[in-house]
mmCIF file of all heavy atoms, coordinates in Angstrom:
data_MODEL
# 
_entry.id   MODEL 
# 
loop_
_atom_site.group_PDB 
_atom_site.id 
_atom_site.type_symbol 
_atom_site.label_atom_id 
_atom_site.label_alt_id 
_atom_site.label_comp_id 
_atom_site.label_asym_id 
_atom_site.label_entity_id 
_atom_site.label_seq_id 
_atom_site.pdbx_PDB_ins_code 
_atom_site.Cartn_x 
_atom_site.Cartn_y 
_atom_site.Cartn_z 
_atom_site.occupancy 
_atom_site.B_iso_or_equiv 
_atom_site.pdbx_formal_charge 
_atom_site.auth_seq_id 
_atom_site.auth_comp_id 
_atom_site.auth_asym_id 
_atom_site.auth_atom_id 
_atom_site.pdbx_PDB_model_num 
ATOM 1   N N   . VAL A 1 1  ? -89.251 -82.560  30.225 1.00 0.00 ? 1  VAL A N   1 
ATOM 2   C CA  . VAL A 1 1  ? -90.330 -82.824  29.287 1.00 0.00 ? 1  VAL A CA  1 
ATOM 3   C C   . VAL A 1 1  ? -89.732 -83.796  28.263 1.00 0.00 ? 1  VAL A C   1 
ATOM 4   O O   . VAL A 1 1  ? -88.615 -83.572  27.787 1.00 0.00 ? 1  VAL A O   1 
ATOM 5   C CB  . VAL A 1 1  ? -90.711 -81.449  28.497 1.00 0.00 ? 1  VAL A CB  1 
ATOM 6   C CG1 . VAL A 1 1  ? -91.666 -81.782  27.327 1.00 0.00 ? 1  VAL A CG1 1 
ATOM 7   C CG2 . VAL A 1 1  ? -91.232 -80.441  29.359 1.00 0.00 ? 1  VAL A CG2 1 
ATOM 8   N N   . THR A 1 2  ? -90.298 -84.949  28.125 1.00 0.00 ? 2  THR A N   1 
ATOM 9   C CA  . THR A 1 2  ? -89.780 -86.089  27.273 1.00 0.00 ? 2  THR A CA  1 
ATOM 10  C C   . THR A 1 2  ? -90.121 -85.677  25.755 1.00 0.00 ? 2  THR A C   1 
ATOM 11  O O   . THR A 1 2  ? -91.238 -85.371  25.495 1.00 0.00 ? 2  THR A O   1 
ATOM 12  C CB  . THR A 1 2  ? -90.341 -87.404  27.642 1.00 0.00 ? 2  THR A CB  1 
ATOM 13  O OG1 . THR A 1 2  ? -91.712 -87.435  27.740 1.00 0.00 ? 2  THR A OG1 1 
ATOM 14  C CG2 . THR A 1 2  ? -89.673 -87.834  28.943 1.00 0.00 ? 2  THR A CG2 1 
ATOM 15  N N   . THR A 1 3  ? -89.118 -85.828  24.972 1.00 0.00 ? 3  THR A N   1 
ATOM 16  C CA  . THR A 1 3  ? -89.206 -85.544  23.530 1.00 0.00 ? 3  THR A CA  1 
ATOM 17  C C   . THR A 1 3  ? -88.499 -86.620  22.686 1.00 0.00 ? 3  THR A C   1 
ATOM 18  O O   . THR A 1 3  ? -87.764 -87.448  23.230 1.00 0.00 ? 3  THR A O   1 
ATOM 19  C CB  . THR A 1 3  ? -88.700 -84.221  23.180 1.00 0.00 ? 3  THR A CB  1 
ATOM 20  O OG1 . THR A 1 3  ? -87.371 -84.187  23.408 1.00 0.00 ? 3  THR A OG1 1 
ATOM 21  C CG2 . THR A 1 3  ? -89.123 -83.130  24.150 1.00 0.00 ? 3  THR A CG2 1 
ATOM 22  N N   . MET A 1 4  ? -88.668 -86.481  21.395 1.00 0.00 ? 4  MET A N   1 
ATOM 23  C CA  . MET A 1 4  ? -87.859 -87.347  20.468 1.00 0.00 ? 4  MET A CA  1 
ATOM 24  C C   . MET A 1 4  ? -86.348 -87.231  20.771 1.00 0.00 ? 4  MET A C   1 
ATOM 25  O O   . MET A 1 4  ? -85.666 -88.278  20.712 1.00 0.00 ? 4  MET A O   1 
ATOM 26  C CB  . MET A 1 4  ? -88.183 -86.959  19.008 1.00 0.00 ? 4  MET A CB  1 
ATOM 27  C CG  . MET A 1 4  ? -89.122 -87.692  18.309 1.00 0.00 ? 4  MET A CG  1 
ATOM 28  S SD  . MET A 1 4  ? -89.111 -87.149  16.555 1.00 0.00 ? 4  MET A SD  1 
ATOM 29  C CE  . MET A 1 4  ? -90.084 -88.457  15.831 1.00 0.00 ? 4  MET A CE  1 
ATOM 30  N N   . GLU A 1 5  ? -85.952 -86.162  21.080 1.00 0.00 ? 5  GLU A N   1 
ATOM 31  C CA  . GLU A 1 5  ? -84.389 -85.773  21.180 1.00 0.00 ? 5  GLU A CA  1 
ATOM 32  C C   . GLU A 1 5  ? -83.913 -86.373  22.408 1.00 0.00 ? 5  GLU A C   1 
ATOM 33  O O   . GLU A 1 5  ? -82.793 -86.804  22.409 1.00 0.00 ? 5  GLU A O   1 
ATOM 34  C CB  . GLU A 1 5  ? -84.201 -84.323  21.297 1.00 0.00 ? 5  GLU A CB  1 
ATOM 35  C CG  . GLU A 1 5  ? -84.611 -83.540  19.880 1.00 0.00 ? 5  GLU A CG  1 
ATOM 36  C CD  . GLU A 1 5  ? -86.001 -83.115  19.790 1.00 0.00 ? 5  GLU A CD  1 
ATOM 37  O OE1 . GLU A 1 5  ? -86.888 -83.519  20.501 1.00 0.00 ? 5  GLU A OE1 1 
ATOM 38  O OE2 . GLU A 1 5  ? -86.187 -82.108  19.006 1.00 0.00 ? 5  GLU A OE2 1 
ATOM 39  N N   . ASN A 1 6  ? -84.731 -86.478  23.502 1.00 0.00 ? 6  ASN A N   1 
ATOM 40  C CA  . ASN A 1 6  ? -84.050 -86.900  24.730 1.00 0.00 ? 6  ASN A CA  1 
ATOM 41  C C   . ASN A 1 6  ? -84.559 -88.267  25.285 1.00 0.00 ? 6  ASN A C   1 
ATOM 42  O O   . ASN A 1 6  ? -84.269 -88.622  26.421 1.00 0.00 ? 6  ASN A O   1 
ATOM 43  C CB  . ASN A 1 6  ? -84.254 -85.883  25.877 1.00 0.00 ? 6  ASN A CB  1 
ATOM 44  C CG  . ASN A 1 6  ? -85.748 -85.715  26.278 1.00 0.00 ? 6  ASN A CG  1 
ATOM 45  O OD1 . ASN A 1 6  ? -86.647 -86.477  25.891 1.00 0.00 ? 6  ASN A OD1 1 
ATOM 46  N ND2 . ASN A 1 6  ? -85.995 -84.588  26.968 1.00 0.00 ? 6  ASN A ND2 1 
ATOM 47  N N   . SER A 1 7  ? -85.267 -89.096  24.442 1.00 0.00 ? 7  SER A N   1 
ATOM 48  C CA  . SER A 1 7  ? -85.760 -90.363  24.869 1.00 0.00 ? 7  SER A CA  1 
ATOM 49  C C   . SER A 1 7  ? -85.328 -91.360  23.857 1.00 0.00 ? 7  SER A C   1 
ATOM 50  O O   . SER A 1 7  ? -85.215 -91.098  22.600 1.00 0.00 ? 7  SER A O   1 
ATOM 51  C CB  . SER A 1 7  ? -87.371 -90.344  24.840 1.00 0.00 ? 7  SER A CB  1 
ATOM 52  O OG  . SER A 1 7  ? -87.740 -89.344  25.882 1.00 0.00 ? 7  SER A OG  1 
ATOM 53  N N   . THR A 1 8  ? -85.327 -92.704  24.204 1.00 0.00 ? 8  THR A N   1 
ATOM 54  C CA  . THR A 1 8  ? -84.909 -93.782  23.295 1.00 0.00 ? 8  THR A CA  1 
ATOM 55  C C   . THR A 1 8  ? -86.012 -94.802  23.218 1.00 0.00 ? 8  THR A C   1 
ATOM 56  O O   . THR A 1 8  ? -85.823 -95.728  22.401 1.00 0.00 ? 8  THR A O   1 
ATOM 57  C CB  . THR A 1 8  ? -83.626 -94.482  23.913 1.00 0.00 ? 8  THR A CB  1 
ATOM 58  O OG1 . THR A 1 8  ? -83.886 -95.050  25.213 1.00 0.00 ? 8  THR A OG1 1 
ATOM 59  C CG2 . THR A 1 8  ? -82.529 -93.589  23.996 1.00 0.00 ? 8  THR A CG2 1 
ATOM 60  N N   . ARG A 1 9  ? -87.154 -94.606  23.918 1.00 0.00 ? 9  ARG A N   1 
ATOM 61  C CA  . ARG A 1 9  ? -88.282 -95.540  23.721 1.00 0.00 ? 9  ARG A CA  1 
ATOM 62  C C   . ARG A 1 9  ? -89.610 -94.652  23.844 1.00 0.00 ? 9  ARG A C   1 
ATOM 63  O O   . ARG A 1 9  ? -89.567 -93.443  24.313 1.00 0.00 ? 9  ARG A O   1 
ATOM 64  C CB  . ARG A 1 9  ? -88.294 -96.585  24.792 1.00 0.00 ? 9  ARG A CB  1 
ATOM 65  C CG  . ARG A 1 9  ? -87.211 -97.654  24.628 1.00 0.00 ? 9  ARG A CG  1 
ATOM 66  C CD  . ARG A 1 9  ? -87.283 -98.423  23.356 1.00 0.00 ? 9  ARG A CD  1 
ATOM 67  N NE  . ARG A 1 9  ? -86.202 -99.492  23.330 1.00 0.00 ? 9  ARG A NE  1 
ATOM 68  C CZ  . ARG A 1 9  ? -85.041 -99.383  22.853 1.00 0.00 ? 9  ARG A CZ  1 
ATOM 69  N NH1 . ARG A 1 9  ? -84.637 -98.176  22.416 1.00 0.00 ? 9  ARG A NH1 1 
ATOM 70  N NH2 . ARG A 1 9  ? -84.207 -100.367 22.770 1.00 0.00 ? 9  ARG A NH2 1 
ATOM 71  N N   . CYS A 1 10 ? -90.689 -95.222  23.559 1.00 0.00 ? 10 CYS A N   1 
ATOM 72  C CA  . CYS A 1 10 ? -91.975 -94.612  23.584 1.00 0.00 ? 10 CYS A CA  1 
ATOM 73  C C   . CYS A 1 10 ? -92.891 -95.330  24.683 1.00 0.00 ? 10 CYS A C   1 
ATOM 74  O O   . CYS A 1 10 ? -92.548 -96.428  25.109 1.00 0.00 ? 10 CYS A O   1 
ATOM 75  C CB  . CYS A 1 10 ? -92.638 -94.508  22.288 1.00 0.00 ? 10 CYS A CB  1 
ATOM 76  S SG  . CYS A 1 10 ? -92.006 -93.483  21.086 1.00 0.00 ? 10 CYS A SG  1 
ATOM 77  N N   . LYS A 1 11 ? -93.896 -94.727  25.031 1.00 0.00 ? 11 LYS A N   1 
ATOM 78  C CA  . LYS A 1 11 ? -94.922 -95.389  25.900 1.00 0.00 ? 11 LYS A CA  1 
ATOM 79  C C   . LYS A 1 11 ? -95.565 -96.600  25.150 1.00 0.00 ? 11 LYS A C   1 
ATOM 80  O O   . LYS A 1 11 ? -95.644 -96.629  23.930 1.00 0.00 ? 11 LYS A O   1 
ATOM 81  C CB  . LYS A 1 11 ? -96.062 -94.468  26.311 1.00 0.00 ? 11 LYS A CB  1 
ATOM 82  C CG  . LYS A 1 11 ? -95.621 -93.264  27.019 1.00 0.00 ? 11 LYS A CG  1 
ATOM 83  C CD  . LYS A 1 11 ? -96.828 -92.407  27.440 1.00 0.00 ? 11 LYS A CD  1 
ATOM 84  C CE  . LYS A 1 11 ? -96.497 -91.169  28.199 1.00 0.00 ? 11 LYS A CE  1 
ATOM 85  N NZ  . LYS A 1 11 ? -97.635 -90.347  28.695 1.00 0.00 ? 11 LYS A NZ  1 
ATOM 86  N N   . PRO A 1 12 ? -95.911 -97.703  25.961 1.00 0.00 ? 12 PRO A N   1 
ATOM 87  C CA  . PRO A 1 12 ? -95.875 -97.849  27.333 1.00 0.00 ? 12 PRO A CA  1 
ATOM 88  C C   . PRO A 1 12 ? -94.657 -98.545  27.906 1.00 0.00 ? 12 PRO A C   1 
ATOM 89  O O   . PRO A 1 12 ? -94.673 -99.003  29.049 1.00 0.00 ? 12 PRO A O   1 
ATOM 90  C CB  . PRO A 1 12 ? -97.161 -98.767  27.607 1.00 0.00 ? 12 PRO A CB  1 
ATOM 91  C CG  . PRO A 1 12 ? -97.081 -99.616  26.388 1.00 0.00 ? 12 PRO A CG  1 
ATOM 92  C CD  . PRO A 1 12 ? -96.566 -98.760  25.220 1.00 0.00 ? 12 PRO A CD  1 
ATOM 93  N N   . SER A 1 13 ? -93.524 -98.481  27.131 1.00 0.00 ? 13 SER A N   1 
ATOM 94  C CA  . SER A 1 13 ? -92.385 -99.270  27.555 1.00 0.00 ? 13 SER A CA  1 
ATOM 95  C C   . SER A 1 13 ? -91.837 -98.800  28.918 1.00 0.00 ? 13 SER A C   1 
ATOM 96  O O   . SER A 1 13 ? -91.592 -97.567  29.249 1.00 0.00 ? 13 SER A O   1 
ATOM 97  C CB  . SER A 1 13 ? -91.269 -98.986  26.494 1.00 0.00 ? 13 SER A CB  1 
ATOM 98  O OG  . SER A 1 13 ? -89.929 -99.420  27.023 1.00 0.00 ? 13 SER A OG  1 
ATOM 99  N N   . ALA A 1 14 ? -91.614 -99.792  29.816 1.00 0.00 ? 14 ALA A N   1 
ATOM 100 C CA  . ALA A 1 14 ? -91.156 -99.566  31.088 1.00 0.00 ? 14 ALA A CA  1 
ATOM 101 C C   . ALA A 1 14 ? -89.787 -98.893  31.049 1.00 0.00 ? 14 ALA A C   1 
ATOM 102 O O   . ALA A 1 14 ? -89.391 -98.120  31.881 1.00 0.00 ? 14 ALA A O   1 
ATOM 103 C CB  . ALA A 1 14 ? -91.109 -100.866 31.796 1.00 0.00 ? 14 ALA A CB  1 
ATOM 104 N N   . ASP A 1 15 ? -88.976 -99.311  29.993 1.00 0.00 ? 15 ASP A N   1 
ATOM 105 C CA  . ASP A 1 15 ? -87.641 -98.720  29.808 1.00 0.00 ? 15 ASP A CA  1 
ATOM 106 C C   . ASP A 1 15 ? -87.867 -97.219  29.726 1.00 0.00 ? 15 ASP A C   1 
ATOM 107 O O   . ASP A 1 15 ? -87.068 -96.488  30.098 1.00 0.00 ? 15 ASP A O   1 
ATOM 108 C CB  . ASP A 1 15 ? -86.967 -99.221  28.648 1.00 0.00 ? 15 ASP A CB  1 
ATOM 109 C CG  . ASP A 1 15 ? -86.537 -100.743 28.909 1.00 0.00 ? 15 ASP A CG  1 
ATOM 110 O OD1 . ASP A 1 15 ? -86.451 -101.149 30.017 1.00 0.00 ? 15 ASP A OD1 1 
ATOM 111 O OD2 . ASP A 1 15 ? -86.327 -101.417 27.818 1.00 0.00 ? 15 ASP A OD2 1 
ATOM 112 N N   . TYR A 1 16 ? -88.815 -96.729  28.930 1.00 0.00 ? 16 TYR A N   1 
ATOM 113 C CA  . TYR A 1 16 ? -89.020 -95.291  28.787 1.00 0.00 ? 16 TYR A CA  1 
ATOM 114 C C   . TYR A 1 16 ? -89.270 -94.691  30.085 1.00 0.00 ? 16 TYR A C   1 
ATOM 115 O O   . TYR A 1 16 ? -88.773 -93.636  30.430 1.00 0.00 ? 16 TYR A O   1 
ATOM 116 C CB  . TYR A 1 16 ? -90.299 -95.129  27.787 1.00 0.00 ? 16 TYR A CB  1 
ATOM 117 C CG  . TYR A 1 16 ? -90.897 -93.664  27.988 1.00 0.00 ? 16 TYR A CG  1 
ATOM 118 C CD1 . TYR A 1 16 ? -90.286 -92.539  27.616 1.00 0.00 ? 16 TYR A CD1 1 
ATOM 119 C CD2 . TYR A 1 16 ? -92.047 -93.473  28.653 1.00 0.00 ? 16 TYR A CD2 1 
ATOM 120 C CE1 . TYR A 1 16 ? -90.821 -91.282  27.813 1.00 0.00 ? 16 TYR A CE1 1 
ATOM 121 C CE2 . TYR A 1 16 ? -92.612 -92.359  28.912 1.00 0.00 ? 16 TYR A CE2 1 
ATOM 122 C CZ  . TYR A 1 16 ? -92.064 -91.188  28.405 1.00 0.00 ? 16 TYR A CZ  1 
ATOM 123 O OH  . TYR A 1 16 ? -92.548 -89.954  28.656 1.00 0.00 ? 16 TYR A OH  1 
ATOM 124 N N   . TYR A 1 17 ? -90.272 -95.229  30.865 1.00 0.00 ? 17 TYR A N   1 
ATOM 125 C CA  . TYR A 1 17 ? -90.591 -94.607  32.045 1.00 0.00 ? 17 TYR A CA  1 
ATOM 126 C C   . TYR A 1 17 ? -89.352 -94.542  33.163 1.00 0.00 ? 17 TYR A C   1 
ATOM 127 O O   . TYR A 1 17 ? -89.150 -93.551  33.793 1.00 0.00 ? 17 TYR A O   1 
ATOM 128 C CB  . TYR A 1 17 ? -91.743 -95.401  32.759 1.00 0.00 ? 17 TYR A CB  1 
ATOM 129 C CG  . TYR A 1 17 ? -93.153 -94.997  32.239 1.00 0.00 ? 17 TYR A CG  1 
ATOM 130 C CD1 . TYR A 1 17 ? -93.613 -95.805  31.331 1.00 0.00 ? 17 TYR A CD1 1 
ATOM 131 C CD2 . TYR A 1 17 ? -93.784 -93.886  32.690 1.00 0.00 ? 17 TYR A CD2 1 
ATOM 132 C CE1 . TYR A 1 17 ? -94.892 -95.482  30.681 1.00 0.00 ? 17 TYR A CE1 1 
ATOM 133 C CE2 . TYR A 1 17 ? -95.067 -93.632  31.990 1.00 0.00 ? 17 TYR A CE2 1 
ATOM 134 C CZ  . TYR A 1 17 ? -95.565 -94.389  31.094 1.00 0.00 ? 17 TYR A CZ  1 
ATOM 135 O OH  . TYR A 1 17 ? -96.702 -94.010  30.575 1.00 0.00 ? 17 TYR A OH  1 
ATOM 136 N N   . LEU A 1 18 ? -88.598 -95.734  33.108 1.00 0.00 ? 18 LEU A N   1 
ATOM 137 C CA  . LEU A 1 18 ? -87.503 -95.827  34.164 1.00 0.00 ? 18 LEU A CA  1 
ATOM 138 C C   . LEU A 1 18 ? -86.359 -94.913  33.701 1.00 0.00 ? 18 LEU A C   1 
ATOM 139 O O   . LEU A 1 18 ? -85.840 -94.212  34.575 1.00 0.00 ? 18 LEU A O   1 
ATOM 140 C CB  . LEU A 1 18 ? -86.993 -97.267  34.180 1.00 0.00 ? 18 LEU A CB  1 
ATOM 141 C CG  . LEU A 1 18 ? -87.971 -98.348  34.917 1.00 0.00 ? 18 LEU A CG  1 
ATOM 142 C CD1 . LEU A 1 18 ? -87.442 -99.731  34.681 1.00 0.00 ? 18 LEU A CD1 1 
ATOM 143 C CD2 . LEU A 1 18 ? -88.224 -98.005  36.282 1.00 0.00 ? 18 LEU A CD2 1 
ATOM 144 N N   . ALA A 1 19 ? -86.159 -94.776  32.503 1.00 0.00 ? 19 ALA A N   1 
ATOM 145 C CA  . ALA A 1 19 ? -85.045 -93.719  32.013 1.00 0.00 ? 19 ALA A CA  1 
ATOM 146 C C   . ALA A 1 19 ? -85.341 -92.346  32.322 1.00 0.00 ? 19 ALA A C   1 
ATOM 147 O O   . ALA A 1 19 ? -84.679 -91.593  32.541 1.00 0.00 ? 19 ALA A O   1 
ATOM 148 C CB  . ALA A 1 19 ? -84.829 -94.135  30.523 1.00 0.00 ? 19 ALA A CB  1 
ATOM 149 N N   . SER A 1 20 ? -86.753 -92.087  32.059 1.00 0.00 ? 20 SER A N   1 
ATOM 150 C CA  . SER A 1 20 ? -87.133 -90.728  32.372 1.00 0.00 ? 20 SER A CA  1 
ATOM 151 C C   . SER A 1 20 ? -87.153 -90.311  33.754 1.00 0.00 ? 20 SER A C   1 
ATOM 152 O O   . SER A 1 20 ? -86.536 -89.209  34.083 1.00 0.00 ? 20 SER A O   1 
ATOM 153 C CB  . SER A 1 20 ? -88.613 -90.514  31.855 1.00 0.00 ? 20 SER A CB  1 
ATOM 154 O OG  . SER A 1 20 ? -88.811 -90.847  30.530 1.00 0.00 ? 20 SER A OG  1 
ATOM 155 N N   . ILE A 1 21 ? -87.540 -91.204  34.732 1.00 0.00 ? 21 ILE A N   1 
ATOM 156 C CA  . ILE A 1 21 ? -87.456 -90.749  36.085 1.00 0.00 ? 21 ILE A CA  1 
ATOM 157 C C   . ILE A 1 21 ? -85.948 -90.933  36.669 1.00 0.00 ? 21 ILE A C   1 
ATOM 158 O O   . ILE A 1 21 ? -85.561 -90.124  37.577 1.00 0.00 ? 21 ILE A O   1 
ATOM 159 C CB  . ILE A 1 21 ? -88.353 -91.654  37.039 1.00 0.00 ? 21 ILE A CB  1 
ATOM 160 C CG1 . ILE A 1 21 ? -87.994 -93.051  37.112 1.00 0.00 ? 21 ILE A CG1 1 
ATOM 161 C CG2 . ILE A 1 21 ? -89.769 -91.373  36.614 1.00 0.00 ? 21 ILE A CG2 1 
ATOM 162 C CD1 . ILE A 1 21 ? -88.716 -93.886  38.136 1.00 0.00 ? 21 ILE A CD1 1 
ATOM 163 N N   . ALA A 1 22 ? -85.202 -91.646  36.012 1.00 0.00 ? 22 ALA A N   1 
ATOM 164 C CA  . ALA A 1 22 ? -83.649 -91.796  36.325 1.00 0.00 ? 22 ALA A CA  1 
ATOM 165 C C   . ALA A 1 22 ? -83.012 -90.403  36.167 1.00 0.00 ? 22 ALA A C   1 
ATOM 166 O O   . ALA A 1 22 ? -82.096 -90.053  36.823 1.00 0.00 ? 22 ALA A O   1 
ATOM 167 C CB  . ALA A 1 22 ? -83.054 -92.949  35.632 1.00 0.00 ? 22 ALA A CB  1 
ATOM 168 N N   . LYS A 1 23 ? -83.502 -89.657  34.966 1.00 0.00 ? 23 LYS A N   1 
ATOM 169 C CA  . LYS A 1 23 ? -82.884 -88.424  34.659 1.00 0.00 ? 23 LYS A CA  1 
ATOM 170 C C   . LYS A 1 23 ? -83.213 -87.402  35.842 1.00 0.00 ? 23 LYS A C   1 
ATOM 171 O O   . LYS A 1 23 ? -82.562 -86.500  36.000 1.00 0.00 ? 23 LYS A O   1 
ATOM 172 C CB  . LYS A 1 23 ? -83.468 -87.817  33.349 1.00 0.00 ? 23 LYS A CB  1 
ATOM 173 C CG  . LYS A 1 23 ? -83.084 -88.726  32.183 1.00 0.00 ? 23 LYS A CG  1 
ATOM 174 C CD  . LYS A 1 23 ? -83.681 -88.309  30.860 1.00 0.00 ? 23 LYS A CD  1 
ATOM 175 C CE  . LYS A 1 23 ? -83.201 -89.118  29.733 1.00 0.00 ? 23 LYS A CE  1 
ATOM 176 N NZ  . LYS A 1 23 ? -84.123 -88.803  28.468 1.00 0.00 ? 23 LYS A NZ  1 
ATOM 177 N N   . MET A 1 24 ? -84.235 -87.757  36.610 1.00 0.00 ? 24 MET A N   1 
ATOM 178 C CA  . MET A 1 24 ? -84.602 -86.852  37.737 1.00 0.00 ? 24 MET A CA  1 
ATOM 179 C C   . MET A 1 24 ? -83.962 -87.400  39.048 1.00 0.00 ? 24 MET A C   1 
ATOM 180 O O   . MET A 1 24 ? -84.329 -86.895  40.089 1.00 0.00 ? 24 MET A O   1 
ATOM 181 C CB  . MET A 1 24 ? -86.061 -86.803  37.899 1.00 0.00 ? 24 MET A CB  1 
ATOM 182 C CG  . MET A 1 24 ? -86.731 -86.128  36.611 1.00 0.00 ? 24 MET A CG  1 
ATOM 183 S SD  . MET A 1 24 ? -88.541 -86.279  36.726 1.00 0.00 ? 24 MET A SD  1 
ATOM 184 C CE  . MET A 1 24 ? -88.869 -85.022  37.995 1.00 0.00 ? 24 MET A CE  1 
# 
């Protein structure tokens, strides 16, 4: 679950999406 605490960008940044799925 992406939150303020575990993310460094917000939508729609591709960096946000790529970092999120990389964690998986």
